[in-house]
Amino acid sequence: MSEVSMDTVIKGKQQSELLKHLEKVGIELMGRRDEMLEQWDEAGRKEDSVFEDDLKFVEELMNRNEELMFDIKVELITTMDEIHHQKMGY
């Protein structure tokens, strides 16, 4: 078995921490969207309401966050594979 590069380990740790942060952001965005939906319902769901535009914006942020999470997961898997290969010596 070979030694694992410290840079690779640090990279994996940073990716893992970023993924955890993005998961928290996603939860916060879902909560905010739910609050806005309740407010919009209380306002009668008028189509020209500011709530509709704000909801679309929050949903776009949610989509972007999901895309980032996917990208980070792919990178993290790649980094974990790299660590495995370094550890096994091939």
PDB file of N, CA and C in Angstrom:
ATOM      1  N   MET A   1       0.831  -1.179   0.000  1.00  0.00           N
ATOM      2  CA  MET A   1       0.000   0.000   0.000  1.00  0.00           C
ATOM      3  C   MET A   1       0.877   1.243   0.000  1.00  0.00           C
ATOM      4  N   SER A   2       0.439   2.231  -0.760  1.00  0.00           N
ATOM      5  CA  SER A   2       1.195   3.471  -0.907  1.00  0.00           C
ATOM      6  C   SER A   2       0.625   4.568  -0.026  1.00  0.00           C
ATOM      7  N   GLU A   3       1.401   5.633   0.048  1.00  0.00           N
ATOM      8  CA  GLU A   3       0.982   6.797   0.816  1.00  0.00           C
ATOM      9  C   GLU A   3       0.060   7.665  -0.036  1.00  0.00           C
ATOM     10  N   VAL A   4      -0.916   8.280   0.608  1.00  0.00           N
ATOM     11  CA  VAL A   4      -1.878   9.133  -0.089  1.00  0.00           C
ATOM     12  C   VAL A   4      -1.392  10.574  -0.026  1.00  0.00           C
ATOM     13  N   SER A   5      -1.492  11.277  -1.142  1.00  0.00           N
ATOM     14  CA  SER A   5      -1.093  12.680  -1.212  1.00  0.00           C
ATOM     15  C   SER A   5      -1.954  13.527  -0.275  1.00  0.00           C
ATOM     16  N   MET A   6      -1.304  14.353   0.534  1.00  0.00           N
ATOM     17  CA  MET A   6      -2.027  15.225   1.458  1.00  0.00           C
ATOM     18  C   MET A   6      -2.903  16.213   0.687  1.00  0.00           C
ATOM     19  N   ASP A   7      -2.434  16.662  -0.474  1.00  0.00           N
ATOM     20  CA  ASP A   7      -3.234  17.579  -1.294  1.00  0.00           C
ATOM     21  C   ASP A   7      -4.558  16.939  -1.703  1.00  0.00           C
ATOM     22  N   THR A   8      -4.514  15.673  -2.044  1.00  0.00           N
ATOM     23  CA  THR A   8      -5.727  14.961  -2.443  1.00  0.00           C
ATOM     24  C   THR A   8      -6.684  14.823  -1.268  1.00  0.00           C
ATOM     25  N   VAL A   9      -6.149  14.529  -0.095  1.00  0.00           N
ATOM     26  CA  VAL A   9      -6.983  14.401   1.103  1.00  0.00           C
ATOM     27  C   VAL A   9      -7.632  15.739   1.440  1.00  0.00           C
ATOM     28  N   ILE A  10      -6.849  16.816   1.379  1.00  0.00           N
ATOM     29  CA  ILE A  10      -7.381  18.156   1.668  1.00  0.00           C
ATOM     30  C   ILE A  10      -8.456  18.520   0.653  1.00  0.00           C
ATOM     31  N   LYS A  11      -8.205  18.212  -0.603  1.00  0.00           N
ATOM     32  CA  LYS A  11      -9.183  18.482  -1.659  1.00  0.00           C
ATOM     33  C   LYS A  11     -10.497  17.756  -1.373  1.00  0.00           C
ATOM     34  N   GLY A  12     -10.418  16.496  -0.988  1.00  0.00           N
ATOM     35  CA  GLY A  12     -11.619  15.718  -0.667  1.00  0.00           C
ATOM     36  C   GLY A  12     -12.361  16.298   0.523  1.00  0.00           C
ATOM     37  N   LYS A  13     -11.613  16.724   1.536  1.00  0.00           N
ATOM     38  CA  LYS A  13     -12.235  17.314   2.723  1.00  0.00           C
ATOM     39  C   LYS A  13     -12.945  18.611   2.364  1.00  0.00           C
ATOM     40  N   GLN A  14     -12.319  19.450   1.552  1.00  0.00           N
ATOM     41  CA  GLN A  14     -12.935  20.706   1.136  1.00  0.00           C
ATOM     42  C   GLN A  14     -14.194  20.455   0.309  1.00  0.00           C
ATOM     43  N   GLN A  15     -14.134  19.479  -0.577  1.00  0.00           N
ATOM     44  CA  GLN A  15     -15.308  19.150  -1.380  1.00  0.00           C
ATOM     45  C   GLN A  15     -16.438  18.651  -0.493  1.00  0.00           C
ATOM     46  N   SER A  16     -16.109  17.841   0.487  1.00  0.00           N
ATOM     47  CA  SER A  16     -17.111  17.324   1.417  1.00  0.00           C
ATOM     48  C   SER A  16     -17.752  18.457   2.216  1.00  0.00           C
ATOM     49  N   GLU A  17     -16.941  19.384   2.694  1.00  0.00           N
ATOM     50  CA  GLU A  17     -17.458  20.525   3.446  1.00  0.00           C
ATOM     51  C   GLU A  17     -18.334  21.410   2.570  1.00  0.00           C
ATOM     52  N   LEU A  18     -17.924  21.613   1.320  1.00  0.00           N
ATOM     53  CA  LEU A  18     -18.727  22.410   0.395  1.00  0.00           C
ATOM     54  C   LEU A  18     -20.069  21.738   0.136  1.00  0.00           C
ATOM     55  N   LEU A  19     -20.060  20.434  -0.023  1.00  0.00           N
ATOM     56  CA  LEU A  19     -21.302  19.696  -0.247  1.00  0.00           C
ATOM     57  C   LEU A  19     -22.244  19.847   0.946  1.00  0.00           C
ATOM     58  N   LYS A  20     -21.710  19.742   2.156  1.00  0.00           N
ATOM     59  CA  LYS A  20     -22.532  19.933   3.356  1.00  0.00           C
ATOM     60  C   LYS A  20     -23.122  21.335   3.393  1.00  0.00           C
ATOM     61  N   HIS A  21     -22.320  22.330   3.024  1.00  0.00           N
ATOM     62  CA  HIS A  21     -22.804  23.712   3.006  1.00  0.00           C
ATOM     63  C   HIS A  21     -23.923  23.879   1.980  1.00  0.00           C
ATOM     64  N   LEU A  22     -23.737  23.321   0.794  1.00  0.00           N
ATOM     65  CA  LEU A  22     -24.758  23.435  -0.248  1.00  0.00           C
ATOM     66  C   LEU A  22     -26.047  22.726   0.160  1.00  0.00           C
ATOM     67  N   GLU A  23     -25.935  21.633   0.895  1.00  0.00           N
ATOM     68  CA  GLU A  23     -27.133  20.951   1.399  1.00  0.00           C
ATOM     69  C   GLU A  23     -27.888  21.859   2.365  1.00  0.00           C
ATOM     70  N   LYS A  24     -27.163  22.566   3.229  1.00  0.00           N
ATOM     71  CA  LYS A  24     -27.801  23.512   4.151  1.00  0.00           C
ATOM     72  C   LYS A  24     -28.460  24.655   3.390  1.00  0.00           C
ATOM     73  N   VAL A  25     -27.788  25.149   2.363  1.00  0.00           N
ATOM     74  CA  VAL A  25     -28.356  26.215   1.533  1.00  0.00           C
ATOM     75  C   VAL A  25     -29.648  25.728   0.890  1.00  0.00           C
ATOM     76  N   GLY A  26     -29.647  24.505   0.379  1.00  0.00           N
ATOM     77  CA  GLY A  26     -30.849  23.939  -0.236  1.00  0.00           C
ATOM     78  C   GLY A  26     -32.006  23.862   0.739  1.00  0.00           C
ATOM     79  N   ILE A  27     -31.728  23.458   1.967  1.00  0.00           N
ATOM     80  CA  ILE A  27     -32.772  23.378   2.994  1.00  0.00           C
ATOM     81  C   ILE A  27     -33.317  24.768   3.300  1.00  0.00           C
ATOM     82  N   GLU A  28     -32.424  25.752   3.417  1.00  0.00           N
ATOM     83  CA  GLU A  28     -32.850  27.131   3.685  1.00  0.00           C
ATOM     84  C   GLU A  28     -33.710  27.668   2.541  1.00  0.00           C
ATOM     85  N   LEU A  29     -33.308  27.381   1.311  1.00  0.00           N
ATOM     86  CA  LEU A  29     -34.077  27.851   0.158  1.00  0.00           C
ATOM     87  C   LEU A  29     -35.460  27.204   0.112  1.00  0.00           C
ATOM     88  N   MET A  30     -35.540  25.914   0.425  1.00  0.00           N
ATOM     89  CA  MET A  30     -36.850  25.245   0.454  1.00  0.00           C
ATOM     90  C   MET A  30     -37.743  25.860   1.522  1.00  0.00           C
ATOM     91  N   GLY A  31     -37.170  26.146   2.676  1.00  0.00           N
ATOM     92  CA  GLY A  31     -37.938  26.778   3.747  1.00  0.00           C
ATOM     93  C   GLY A  31     -38.432  28.148   3.341  1.00  0.00           C
ATOM     94  N   ARG A  32     -37.563  28.907   2.701  1.00  0.00           N
ATOM     95  CA  ARG A  32     -37.950  30.253   2.244  1.00  0.00           C
ATOM     96  C   ARG A  32     -39.054  30.160   1.196  1.00  0.00           C
ATOM     97  N   ARG A  33     -38.919  29.218   0.276  1.00  0.00           N
ATOM     98  CA  ARG A  33     -39.947  29.046  -0.752  1.00  0.00           C
ATOM     99  C   ARG A  33     -41.292  28.695  -0.118  1.00  0.00           C
ATOM    100  N   ASP A  34     -41.283  27.797   0.860  1.00  0.00           N
ATOM    101  CA  ASP A  34     -42.523  27.414   1.537  1.00  0.00           C
ATOM    102  C   ASP A  34     -43.164  28.608   2.238  1.00  0.00           C
ATOM    103  N   GLU A  35     -42.339  29.432   2.890  1.00  0.00           N
ATOM    104  CA  GLU A  35     -42.857  30.643   3.536  1.00  0.00           C
ATOM    105  C   GLU A  35     -43.486  31.578   2.510  1.00  0.00           C
ATOM    106  N   MET A  36     -42.820  31.733   1.383  1.00  0.00           N
ATOM    107  CA  MET A  36     -43.331  32.620   0.334  1.00  0.00           C
ATOM    108  C   MET A  36     -44.630  32.080  -0.252  1.00  0.00           C
ATOM    109  N   LEU A  37     -44.724  30.762  -0.418  1.00  0.00           N
ATOM    110  CA  LEU A  37     -45.966  30.171  -0.924  1.00  0.00           C
ATOM    111  C   LEU A  37     -47.126  30.439   0.031  1.00  0.00           C
ATOM    112  N   GLU A  38     -46.866  30.339   1.324  1.00  0.00           N
ATOM    113  CA  GLU A  38     -47.903  30.636   2.317  1.00  0.00           C
ATOM    114  C   GLU A  38     -48.336  32.095   2.219  1.00  0.00           C
ATOM    115  N   GLN A  39     -47.367  32.996   2.094  1.00  0.00           N
ATOM    116  CA  GLN A  39     -47.688  34.419   1.976  1.00  0.00           C
ATOM    117  C   GLN A  39     -48.467  34.696   0.696  1.00  0.00           C
ATOM    118  N   TRP A  40     -48.078  34.039  -0.382  1.00  0.00           N
ATOM    119  CA  TRP A  40     -48.757  34.236  -1.659  1.00  0.00           C
ATOM    120  C   TRP A  40     -50.186  33.714  -1.573  1.00  0.00           C
ATOM    121  N   ASP A  41     -50.374  32.563  -0.912  1.00  0.00           N
ATOM    122  CA  ASP A  41     -51.721  32.023  -0.702  1.00  0.00           C
ATOM    123  C   ASP A  41     -52.576  33.010   0.084  1.00  0.00           C
ATOM    124  N   GLU A  42     -51.990  33.589   1.123  1.00  0.00           N
ATOM    125  CA  GLU A  42     -52.719  34.559   1.940  1.00  0.00           C
ATOM    126  C   GLU A  42     -53.081  35.803   1.139  1.00  0.00           C
ATOM    127  N   ALA A  43     -52.266  36.145   0.149  1.00  0.00           N
ATOM    128  CA  ALA A  43     -52.522  37.319  -0.688  1.00  0.00           C
ATOM    129  C   ALA A  43     -53.473  37.001  -1.838  1.00  0.00           C
ATOM    130  N   GLY A  44     -53.939  35.769  -1.935  1.00  0.00           N
ATOM    131  CA  GLY A  44     -54.901  35.398  -2.973  1.00  0.00           C
ATOM    132  C   GLY A  44     -54.283  34.926  -4.272  1.00  0.00           C
ATOM    133  N   ARG A  45     -53.023  34.632  -4.278  1.00  0.00           N
ATOM    134  CA  ARG A  45     -52.308  34.119  -5.464  1.00  0.00           C
ATOM    135  C   ARG A  45     -52.546  34.951  -6.720  1.00  0.00           C
ATOM    136  N   LYS A  46     -52.474  36.239  -6.576  1.00  0.00           N
ATOM    137  CA  LYS A  46     -52.622  37.122  -7.742  1.00  0.00           C
ATOM    138  C   LYS A  46     -51.421  36.928  -8.659  1.00  0.00           C
ATOM    139  N   GLU A  47     -51.706  36.778  -9.952  1.00  0.00           N
ATOM    140  CA  GLU A  47     -50.631  36.475 -10.896  1.00  0.00           C
ATOM    141  C   GLU A  47     -49.637  37.613 -11.054  1.00  0.00           C
ATOM    142  N   ASP A  48     -50.079  38.838 -10.844  1.00  0.00           N
ATOM    143  CA  ASP A  48     -49.163  39.972 -10.990  1.00  0.00           C
ATOM    144  C   ASP A  48     -48.469  40.309  -9.672  1.00  0.00           C
ATOM    145  N   SER A  49     -48.605  39.424  -8.720  1.00  0.00           N
ATOM    146  CA  SER A  49     -48.039  39.629  -7.391  1.00  0.00           C
ATOM    147  C   SER A  49     -46.517  39.556  -7.417  1.00  0.00           C
ATOM    148  N   VAL A  50     -45.918  40.308  -6.518  1.00  0.00           N
ATOM    149  CA  VAL A  50     -44.473  40.265  -6.338  1.00  0.00           C
ATOM    150  C   VAL A  50     -44.043  38.868  -5.889  1.00  0.00           C
ATOM    151  N   PHE A  51     -44.914  38.167  -5.184  1.00  0.00           N
ATOM    152  CA  PHE A  51     -44.588  36.835  -4.686  1.00  0.00           C
ATOM    153  C   PHE A  51     -44.248  35.876  -5.823  1.00  0.00           C
ATOM    154  N   GLU A  52     -44.964  35.989  -6.933  1.00  0.00           N
ATOM    155  CA  GLU A  52     -44.707  35.082  -8.048  1.00  0.00           C
ATOM    156  C   GLU A  52     -43.291  35.266  -8.585  1.00  0.00           C
ATOM    157  N   ASP A  53     -42.877  36.509  -8.783  1.00  0.00           N
ATOM    158  CA  ASP A  53     -41.517  36.769  -9.268  1.00  0.00           C
ATOM    159  C   ASP A  53     -40.470  36.309  -8.257  1.00  0.00           C
ATOM    160  N   ASP A  54     -40.723  36.587  -6.990  1.00  0.00           N
ATOM    161  CA  ASP A  54     -39.790  36.163  -5.946  1.00  0.00           C
ATOM    162  C   ASP A  54     -39.704  34.639  -5.869  1.00  0.00           C
ATOM    163  N   LEU A  55     -40.841  33.978  -6.016  1.00  0.00           N
ATOM    164  CA  LEU A  55     -40.849  32.512  -6.003  1.00  0.00           C
ATOM    165  C   LEU A  55     -40.035  31.949  -7.160  1.00  0.00           C
ATOM    166  N   LYS A  56     -40.205  32.538  -8.328  1.00  0.00           N
ATOM    167  CA  LYS A  56     -39.442  32.079  -9.492  1.00  0.00           C
ATOM    168  C   LYS A  56     -37.947  32.246  -9.245  1.00  0.00           C
ATOM    169  N   PHE A  57     -37.574  33.364  -8.625  1.00  0.00           N
ATOM    170  CA  PHE A  57     -36.166  33.609  -8.330  1.00  0.00           C
ATOM    171  C   PHE A  57     -35.625  32.576  -7.341  1.00  0.00           C
ATOM    172  N   VAL A  58     -36.370  32.316  -6.281  1.00  0.00           N
ATOM    173  CA  VAL A  58     -35.935  31.333  -5.282  1.00  0.00           C
ATOM    174  C   VAL A  58     -35.845  29.946  -5.913  1.00  0.00           C
ATOM    175  N   GLU A  59     -36.800  29.600  -6.765  1.00  0.00           N
ATOM    176  CA  GLU A  59     -36.760  28.297  -7.428  1.00  0.00           C
ATOM    177  C   GLU A  59     -35.563  28.192  -8.374  1.00  0.00           C
ATOM    178  N   GLU A  60     -35.207  29.298  -9.030  1.00  0.00           N
ATOM    179  CA  GLU A  60     -34.015  29.302  -9.880  1.00  0.00           C
ATOM    180  C   GLU A  60     -32.758  29.092  -9.028  1.00  0.00           C
ATOM    181  N   LEU A  61     -32.709  29.744  -7.874  1.00  0.00           N
ATOM    182  CA  LEU A  61     -31.581  29.533  -6.956  1.00  0.00           C
ATOM    183  C   LEU A  61     -31.520  28.081  -6.497  1.00  0.00           C
ATOM    184  N   MET A  62     -32.675  27.487  -6.234  1.00  0.00           N
ATOM    185  CA  MET A  62     -32.724  26.079  -5.829  1.00  0.00           C
ATOM    186  C   MET A  62     -32.171  25.183  -6.937  1.00  0.00           C
ATOM    187  N   ASN A  63     -32.551  25.481  -8.178  1.00  0.00           N
ATOM    188  CA  ASN A  63     -32.057  24.692  -9.314  1.00  0.00           C
ATOM    189  C   ASN A  63     -30.543  24.818  -9.459  1.00  0.00           C
ATOM    190  N   ARG A  64     -30.045  26.043  -9.324  1.00  0.00           N
ATOM    191  CA  ARG A  64     -28.595  26.255  -9.420  1.00  0.00           C
ATOM    192  C   ARG A  64     -27.866  25.520  -8.303  1.00  0.00           C
ATOM    193  N   ASN A  65     -28.431  25.560  -7.112  1.00  0.00           N
ATOM    194  CA  ASN A  65     -27.827  24.870  -5.976  1.00  0.00           C
ATOM    195  C   ASN A  65     -27.775  23.362  -6.236  1.00  0.00           C
ATOM    196  N   GLU A  66     -28.857  22.810  -6.786  1.00  0.00           N
ATOM    197  CA  GLU A  66     -28.877  21.375  -7.114  1.00  0.00           C
ATOM    198  C   GLU A  66     -27.807  21.029  -8.142  1.00  0.00           C
ATOM    199  N   GLU A  67     -27.636  21.901  -9.143  1.00  0.00           N
ATOM    200  CA  GLU A  67     -26.610  21.665 -10.160  1.00  0.00           C
ATOM    201  C   GLU A  67     -25.217  21.680  -9.531  1.00  0.00           C
ATOM    202  N   LEU A  68     -24.977  22.649  -8.648  1.00  0.00           N
ATOM    203  CA  LEU A  68     -23.688  22.717  -7.961  1.00  0.00           C
ATOM    204  C   LEU A  68     -23.454  21.480  -7.103  1.00  0.00           C
ATOM    205  N   MET A  69     -24.487  21.039  -6.408  1.00  0.00           N
ATOM    206  CA  MET A  69     -24.358  19.846  -5.573  1.00  0.00           C
ATOM    207  C   MET A  69     -23.998  18.633  -6.426  1.00  0.00           C
ATOM    208  N   PHE A  70     -24.636  18.509  -7.570  1.00  0.00           N
ATOM    209  CA  PHE A  70     -24.335  17.390  -8.465  1.00  0.00           C
ATOM    210  C   PHE A  70     -22.874  17.448  -8.904  1.00  0.00           C
ATOM    211  N   ASP A  71     -22.428  18.639  -9.325  1.00  0.00           N
ATOM    212  CA  ASP A  71     -21.043  18.797  -9.772  1.00  0.00           C
ATOM    213  C   ASP A  71     -20.052  18.452  -8.660  1.00  0.00           C
ATOM    214  N   ILE A  72     -20.342  18.908  -7.445  1.00  0.00           N
ATOM    215  CA  ILE A  72     -19.448  18.634  -6.318  1.00  0.00           C
ATOM    216  C   ILE A  72     -19.448  17.139  -5.990  1.00  0.00           C
ATOM    217  N   LYS A  73     -20.607  16.489  -6.081  1.00  0.00           N
ATOM    218  CA  LYS A  73     -20.658  15.044  -5.830  1.00  0.00           C
ATOM    219  C   LYS A  73     -19.790  14.291  -6.830  1.00  0.00           C
ATOM    220  N   VAL A  74     -19.847  14.694  -8.091  1.00  0.00           N
ATOM    221  CA  VAL A  74     -19.021  14.053  -9.120  1.00  0.00           C
ATOM    222  C   VAL A  74     -17.542  14.259  -8.798  1.00  0.00           C
ATOM    223  N   GLU A  75     -17.180  15.490  -8.448  1.00  0.00           N
ATOM    224  CA  GLU A  75     -15.787  15.786  -8.094  1.00  0.00           C
ATOM    225  C   GLU A  75     -15.343  14.992  -6.864  1.00  0.00           C
ATOM    226  N   LEU A  76     -16.226  14.897  -5.875  1.00  0.00           N
ATOM    227  CA  LEU A  76     -15.890  14.173  -4.647  1.00  0.00           C
ATOM    228  C   LEU A  76     -15.680  12.682  -4.926  1.00  0.00           C
ATOM    229  N   ILE A  77     -16.525  12.109  -5.763  1.00  0.00           N
ATOM    230  CA  ILE A  77     -16.357  10.699  -6.140  1.00  0.00           C
ATOM    231  C   ILE A  77     -15.022  10.504  -6.859  1.00  0.00           C
ATOM    232  N   THR A  78     -14.695  11.433  -7.755  1.00  0.00           N
ATOM    233  CA  THR A  78     -13.423  11.363  -8.475  1.00  0.00           C
ATOM    234  C   THR A  78     -12.245  11.451  -7.506  1.00  0.00           C
ATOM    235  N   THR A  79     -12.348  12.357  -6.537  1.00  0.00           N
ATOM    236  CA  THR A  79     -11.282  12.511  -5.544  1.00  0.00           C
ATOM    237  C   THR A  79     -11.153  11.264  -4.682  1.00  0.00           C
ATOM    238  N   MET A  80     -12.276  10.681  -4.288  1.00  0.00           N
ATOM    239  CA  MET A  80     -12.226   9.456  -3.476  1.00  0.00           C
ATOM    240  C   MET A  80     -11.619   8.305  -4.276  1.00  0.00           C
ATOM    241  N   ASP A  81     -11.920   8.239  -5.562  1.00  0.00           N
ATOM    242  CA  ASP A  81     -11.291   7.225  -6.423  1.00  0.00           C
ATOM    243  C   ASP A  81      -9.779   7.444  -6.494  1.00  0.00           C
ATOM    244  N   GLU A  82      -9.390   8.718  -6.597  1.00  0.00           N
ATOM    245  CA  GLU A  82      -7.969   9.054  -6.656  1.00  0.00           C
ATOM    246  C   GLU A  82      -7.264   8.633  -5.357  1.00  0.00           C
ATOM    247  N   ILE A  83      -7.899   8.892  -4.226  1.00  0.00           N
ATOM    248  CA  ILE A  83      -7.333   8.479  -2.935  1.00  0.00           C
ATOM    249  C   ILE A  83      -7.200   6.957  -2.883  1.00  0.00           C
ATOM    250  N   HIS A  84      -8.227   6.265  -3.342  1.00  0.00           N
ATOM    251  CA  HIS A  84      -8.191   4.795  -3.350  1.00  0.00           C
ATOM    252  C   HIS A  84      -7.030   4.287  -4.210  1.00  0.00           C
ATOM    253  N   HIS A  85      -6.882   4.876  -5.398  1.00  0.00           N
ATOM    254  CA  HIS A  85      -5.804   4.445  -6.292  1.00  0.00           C
ATOM    255  C   HIS A  85      -4.435   4.740  -5.686  1.00  0.00           C
ATOM    256  N   GLN A  86      -4.307   5.904  -5.033  1.00  0.00           N
ATOM    257  CA  GLN A  86      -3.032   6.230  -4.390  1.00  0.00           C
ATOM    258  C   GLN A  86      -2.748   5.258  -3.242  1.00  0.00           C
ATOM    259  N   LYS A  87      -3.772   4.955  -2.483  1.00  0.00           N
ATOM    260  CA  LYS A  87      -3.612   4.056  -1.333  1.00  0.00           C
ATOM    261  C   LYS A  87      -3.221   2.648  -1.786  1.00  0.00           C
ATOM    262  N   MET A  88      -3.837   2.204  -2.867  1.00  0.00           N
ATOM    263  CA  MET A  88      -3.574   0.849  -3.350  1.00  0.00           C
ATOM    264  C   MET A  88      -2.298   0.782  -4.191  1.00  0.00           C
ATOM    265  N   GLY A  89      -1.781   1.949  -4.598  1.00  0.00           N
ATOM    266  CA  GLY A  89      -0.515   1.977  -5.326  1.00  0.00           C
ATOM    267  C   GLY A  89      -0.614   1.727  -6.814  1.00  0.00           C
ATOM    268  N   TYR A  90      -1.769   2.042  -7.392  1.00  0.00           N
ATOM    269  CA  TYR A  90      -1.877   1.898  -8.852  1.00  0.00           C
ATOM    270  C   TYR A  90      -2.579   3.064  -9.462  1.00  0.00           C
TER     271      TYR A  90
END
